[in-house]
Amino acid sequence: MGVTQPGARTGAGVRPAPREIRVEIGELVLDGFRADPDRVSAAFEHELARLVRERGVPADGPWSADVLSGLPPLPAGLSARRLGQELARAVHEGLCGRGEVT
Protein backbone atom coordinates (compact mmCIF):
# COMPACT_ATOMS: atom_id res chain seq x y z
CA MET A 1 0.00 0.00 0.00
CA GLY A 2 1.40 3.39 -0.86
CA VAL A 3 0.15 6.65 0.62
CA THR A 4 1.18 10.27 0.45
CA GLN A 5 0.05 13.00 2.76
CA PRO A 6 -1.72 16.01 1.27
CA GLY A 7 0.87 18.68 0.61
CA ALA A 8 3.88 16.37 1.08
CA ARG A 9 7.01 18.01 -0.30
CA THR A 10 9.15 16.41 -2.96
CA GLY A 11 12.29 17.64 -4.66
CA ALA A 12 10.10 19.18 -7.37
CA GLY A 13 7.58 20.82 -5.05
CA VAL A 14 4.32 19.80 -3.44
CA ARG A 15 2.56 16.54 -4.29
CA PRO A 16 -1.19 16.56 -4.82
CA ALA A 17 -3.36 14.88 -2.21
CA PRO A 18 -3.77 11.13 -2.79
CA ARG A 19 -7.06 10.02 -4.26
CA GLU A 20 -6.89 6.42 -3.18
CA ILE A 21 -5.47 4.33 -0.43
CA ARG A 22 -5.73 0.59 -0.88
CA VAL A 23 -5.67 -1.84 2.03
CA GLU A 24 -5.73 -5.54 1.23
CA ILE A 25 -6.52 -8.03 3.96
CA GLY A 26 -5.99 -11.58 2.80
CA GLU A 27 -7.59 -13.23 5.80
CA LEU A 28 -9.10 -12.03 9.02
CA VAL A 29 -9.83 -14.68 11.63
CA LEU A 30 -12.02 -13.65 14.55
CA ASP A 31 -12.12 -16.59 16.92
CA GLY A 32 -14.72 -16.36 19.66
CA PHE A 33 -16.78 -13.57 18.09
CA ARG A 34 -20.33 -14.05 16.86
CA ALA A 35 -20.43 -10.84 14.84
CA ASP A 36 -21.53 -10.83 11.20
CA PRO A 37 -18.29 -10.75 9.12
CA ASP A 38 -19.83 -8.52 6.44
CA ARG A 39 -20.84 -5.95 9.04
CA VAL A 40 -17.42 -6.11 10.70
CA SER A 41 -15.82 -5.51 7.30
CA ALA A 42 -18.11 -2.57 6.52
CA ALA A 43 -17.45 -0.96 9.92
CA PHE A 44 -13.70 -1.55 9.49
CA GLU A 45 -13.64 0.12 6.07
CA HIS A 46 -15.73 3.07 7.23
CA GLU A 47 -13.65 3.70 10.35
CA LEU A 48 -10.28 3.29 8.62
CA ALA A 49 -11.35 5.69 5.85
CA ARG A 50 -12.44 8.21 8.48
CA LEU A 51 -9.17 7.92 10.40
CA VAL A 52 -7.01 8.30 7.29
CA ARG A 53 -9.10 11.25 6.07
CA GLU A 54 -9.05 13.05 9.43
CA ARG A 55 -5.62 12.11 10.78
CA GLY A 56 -3.69 10.99 7.70
CA VAL A 57 -0.78 8.57 7.63
CA PRO A 58 2.96 9.21 7.24
CA ALA A 59 4.04 9.85 3.67
CA ASP A 60 7.01 7.49 3.76
CA GLY A 61 5.17 4.33 2.55
CA PRO A 62 4.63 1.87 1.01
CA TRP A 63 3.83 -0.35 3.96
CA SER A 64 3.32 -4.05 4.27
CA ALA A 65 1.89 -5.68 7.36
CA ASP A 66 1.74 -9.44 7.39
CA VAL A 67 0.52 -9.76 10.95
CA LEU A 68 -1.21 -7.28 13.20
CA SER A 69 -0.45 -7.87 16.85
CA GLY A 70 -0.77 -5.99 20.07
CA LEU A 71 -4.55 -5.66 20.03
CA PRO A 72 -6.08 -5.00 23.41
CA PRO A 73 -8.34 -7.75 24.75
CA LEU A 74 -11.78 -7.35 23.19
CA PRO A 75 -14.93 -8.79 24.76
CA ALA A 76 -16.50 -11.57 22.69
CA GLY A 77 -19.89 -9.83 22.84
CA LEU A 78 -18.81 -6.73 20.91
CA SER A 79 -21.14 -5.61 18.14
CA ALA A 80 -19.94 -5.98 14.56
CA ARG A 81 -19.71 -2.18 14.32
CA ARG A 82 -17.56 -1.82 17.43
CA LEU A 83 -15.32 -4.76 16.47
CA GLY A 84 -14.71 -3.27 13.02
CA GLN A 85 -13.91 0.12 14.56
CA GLU A 86 -11.42 -1.35 17.03
CA LEU A 87 -9.66 -3.29 14.29
CA ALA A 88 -9.47 -0.18 12.08
CA ARG A 89 -8.00 1.86 14.92
CA ALA A 90 -5.35 -0.78 15.51
CA VAL A 91 -4.43 -0.85 11.80
CA HIS A 92 -4.29 2.95 11.64
CA GLU A 93 -2.04 3.06 14.70
CA GLY A 94 0.24 0.52 13.04
CA LEU A 95 0.40 2.53 9.83
CA CYS A 96 1.30 5.63 11.83
CA GLY A 97 4.09 3.82 13.68
CA ARG A 98 2.32 3.86 17.03
CA GLY A 99 0.98 0.31 16.99
CA GLU A 100 2.60 -3.05 16.59
CA VAL A 101 2.61 -4.10 12.96
CA THR A 102 5.11 -6.86 12.17
C-alpha atoms as a PDB file:
ATOM      1  CA  MET A   1       0.000   0.000   0.000  1.00  0.00           C
ATOM      2  CA  GLY A   2       1.402   3.385  -0.858  1.00  0.00           C
ATOM      3  CA  VAL A   3       0.153   6.646   0.622  1.00  0.00           C
ATOM      4  CA  THR A   4       1.183  10.272   0.449  1.00  0.00           C
ATOM      5  CA  GLN A   5       0.051  12.997   2.762  1.00  0.00           C
ATOM      6  CA  PRO A   6      -1.717  16.014   1.266  1.00  0.00           C
ATOM      7  CA  GLY A   7       0.872  18.675   0.613  1.00  0.00           C
ATOM      8  CA  ALA A   8       3.878  16.367   1.079  1.00  0.00           C
ATOM      9  CA  ARG A   9       7.011  18.013  -0.300  1.00  0.00           C
ATOM     10  CA  THR A  10       9.152  16.409  -2.963  1.00  0.00           C
ATOM     11  CA  GLY A  11      12.286  17.645  -4.662  1.00  0.00           C
ATOM     12  CA  ALA A  12      10.098  19.179  -7.370  1.00  0.00           C
ATOM     13  CA  GLY A  13       7.577  20.820  -5.051  1.00  0.00           C
ATOM     14  CA  VAL A  14       4.316  19.803  -3.442  1.00  0.00           C
ATOM     15  CA  ARG A  15       2.557  16.542  -4.293  1.00  0.00           C
ATOM     16  CA  PRO A  16      -1.192  16.562  -4.825  1.00  0.00           C
ATOM     17  CA  ALA A  17      -3.358  14.875  -2.214  1.00  0.00           C
ATOM     18  CA  PRO A  18      -3.766  11.128  -2.791  1.00  0.00           C
ATOM     19  CA  ARG A  19      -7.056  10.016  -4.260  1.00  0.00           C
ATOM     20  CA  GLU A  20      -6.890   6.424  -3.179  1.00  0.00           C
ATOM     21  CA  ILE A  21      -5.469   4.325  -0.426  1.00  0.00           C
ATOM     22  CA  ARG A  22      -5.728   0.587  -0.875  1.00  0.00           C
ATOM     23  CA  VAL A  23      -5.674  -1.843   2.028  1.00  0.00           C
ATOM     24  CA  GLU A  24      -5.728  -5.541   1.225  1.00  0.00           C
ATOM     25  CA  ILE A  25      -6.516  -8.031   3.956  1.00  0.00           C
ATOM     26  CA  GLY A  26      -5.991 -11.579   2.797  1.00  0.00           C
ATOM     27  CA  GLU A  27      -7.594 -13.229   5.804  1.00  0.00           C
ATOM     28  CA  LEU A  28      -9.099 -12.029   9.022  1.00  0.00           C
ATOM     29  CA  VAL A  29      -9.831 -14.681  11.628  1.00  0.00           C
ATOM     30  CA  LEU A  30     -12.020 -13.646  14.546  1.00  0.00           C
ATOM     31  CA  ASP A  31     -12.123 -16.590  16.921  1.00  0.00           C
ATOM     32  CA  GLY A  32     -14.716 -16.358  19.662  1.00  0.00           C
ATOM     33  CA  PHE A  33     -16.781 -13.572  18.090  1.00  0.00           C
ATOM     34  CA  ARG A  34     -20.333 -14.053  16.864  1.00  0.00           C
ATOM     35  CA  ALA A  35     -20.431 -10.837  14.836  1.00  0.00           C
ATOM     36  CA  ASP A  36     -21.532 -10.832  11.197  1.00  0.00           C
ATOM     37  CA  PRO A  37     -18.290 -10.750   9.122  1.00  0.00           C
ATOM     38  CA  ASP A  38     -19.829  -8.516   6.439  1.00  0.00           C
ATOM     39  CA  ARG A  39     -20.843  -5.951   9.045  1.00  0.00           C
ATOM     40  CA  VAL A  40     -17.425  -6.115  10.698  1.00  0.00           C
ATOM     41  CA  SER A  41     -15.817  -5.509   7.303  1.00  0.00           C
ATOM     42  CA  ALA A  42     -18.107  -2.566   6.517  1.00  0.00           C
ATOM     43  CA  ALA A  43     -17.448  -0.961   9.916  1.00  0.00           C
ATOM     44  CA  PHE A  44     -13.701  -1.548   9.494  1.00  0.00           C
ATOM     45  CA  GLU A  45     -13.640   0.118   6.067  1.00  0.00           C
ATOM     46  CA  HIS A  46     -15.735   3.067   7.229  1.00  0.00           C
ATOM     47  CA  GLU A  47     -13.649   3.704  10.352  1.00  0.00           C
ATOM     48  CA  LEU A  48     -10.277   3.285   8.617  1.00  0.00           C
ATOM     49  CA  ALA A  49     -11.349   5.687   5.853  1.00  0.00           C
ATOM     50  CA  ARG A  50     -12.437   8.213   8.480  1.00  0.00           C
ATOM     51  CA  LEU A  51      -9.169   7.924  10.402  1.00  0.00           C
ATOM     52  CA  VAL A  52      -7.014   8.305   7.287  1.00  0.00           C
ATOM     53  CA  ARG A  53      -9.101  11.249   6.069  1.00  0.00           C
ATOM     54  CA  GLU A  54      -9.054  13.053   9.427  1.00  0.00           C
ATOM     55  CA  ARG A  55      -5.621  12.112  10.779  1.00  0.00           C
ATOM     56  CA  GLY A  56      -3.687  10.991   7.698  1.00  0.00           C
ATOM     57  CA  VAL A  57      -0.777   8.573   7.633  1.00  0.00           C
ATOM     58  CA  PRO A  58       2.959   9.215   7.241  1.00  0.00           C
ATOM     59  CA  ALA A  59       4.040   9.845   3.666  1.00  0.00           C
ATOM     60  CA  ASP A  60       7.015   7.493   3.758  1.00  0.00           C
ATOM     61  CA  GLY A  61       5.165   4.327   2.555  1.00  0.00           C
ATOM     62  CA  PRO A  62       4.631   1.872   1.015  1.00  0.00           C
ATOM     63  CA  TRP A  63       3.827  -0.346   3.959  1.00  0.00           C
ATOM     64  CA  SER A  64       3.318  -4.050   4.273  1.00  0.00           C
ATOM     65  CA  ALA A  65       1.894  -5.676   7.365  1.00  0.00           C
ATOM     66  CA  ASP A  66       1.737  -9.442   7.393  1.00  0.00           C
ATOM     67  CA  VAL A  67       0.520  -9.756  10.953  1.00  0.00           C
ATOM     68  CA  LEU A  68      -1.209  -7.283  13.200  1.00  0.00           C
ATOM     69  CA  SER A  69      -0.455  -7.873  16.846  1.00  0.00           C
ATOM     70  CA  GLY A  70      -0.772  -5.991  20.074  1.00  0.00           C
ATOM     71  CA  LEU A  71      -4.551  -5.661  20.027  1.00  0.00           C
ATOM     72  CA  PRO A  72      -6.085  -5.002  23.412  1.00  0.00           C
ATOM     73  CA  PRO A  73      -8.343  -7.746  24.748  1.00  0.00           C
ATOM     74  CA  LEU A  74     -11.777  -7.355  23.193  1.00  0.00           C
ATOM     75  CA  PRO A  75     -14.930  -8.788  24.762  1.00  0.00           C
ATOM     76  CA  ALA A  76     -16.498 -11.566  22.692  1.00  0.00           C
ATOM     77  CA  GLY A  77     -19.885  -9.829  22.841  1.00  0.00           C
ATOM     78  CA  LEU A  78     -18.815  -6.725  20.906  1.00  0.00           C
ATOM     79  CA  SER A  79     -21.142  -5.614  18.144  1.00  0.00           C
ATOM     80  CA  ALA A  80     -19.944  -5.976  14.559  1.00  0.00           C
ATOM     81  CA  ARG A  81     -19.709  -2.180  14.318  1.00  0.00           C
ATOM     82  CA  ARG A  82     -17.561  -1.822  17.427  1.00  0.00           C
ATOM     83  CA  LEU A  83     -15.324  -4.756  16.474  1.00  0.00           C
ATOM     84  CA  GLY A  84     -14.710  -3.265  13.016  1.00  0.00           C
ATOM     85  CA  GLN A  85     -13.915   0.120  14.563  1.00  0.00           C
ATOM     86  CA  GLU A  86     -11.424  -1.347  17.034  1.00  0.00           C
ATOM     87  CA  LEU A  87      -9.658  -3.294  14.287  1.00  0.00           C
ATOM     88  CA  ALA A  88      -9.473  -0.180  12.082  1.00  0.00           C
ATOM     89  CA  ARG A  89      -8.005   1.856  14.924  1.00  0.00           C
ATOM     90  CA  ALA A  90      -5.347  -0.781  15.513  1.00  0.00           C
ATOM     91  CA  VAL A  91      -4.434  -0.852  11.801  1.00  0.00           C
ATOM     92  CA  HIS A  92      -4.289   2.953  11.641  1.00  0.00           C
ATOM     93  CA  GLU A  93      -2.041   3.063  14.701  1.00  0.00           C
ATOM     94  CA  GLY A  94       0.237   0.516  13.038  1.00  0.00           C
ATOM     95  CA  LEU A  95       0.396   2.531   9.828  1.00  0.00           C
ATOM     96  CA  CYS A  96       1.304   5.625  11.826  1.00  0.00           C
ATOM     97  CA  GLY A  97       4.087   3.818  13.675  1.00  0.00           C
ATOM     98  CA  ARG A  98       2.321   3.857  17.031  1.00  0.00           C
ATOM     99  CA  GLY A  99       0.976   0.309  16.986  1.00  0.00           C
ATOM    100  CA  GLU A 100       2.603  -3.050  16.585  1.00  0.00           C
ATOM    101  CA  VAL A 101       2.611  -4.104  12.962  1.00  0.00           C
ATOM    102  CA  THR A 102       5.107  -6.860  12.167  1.00  0.00           C
END
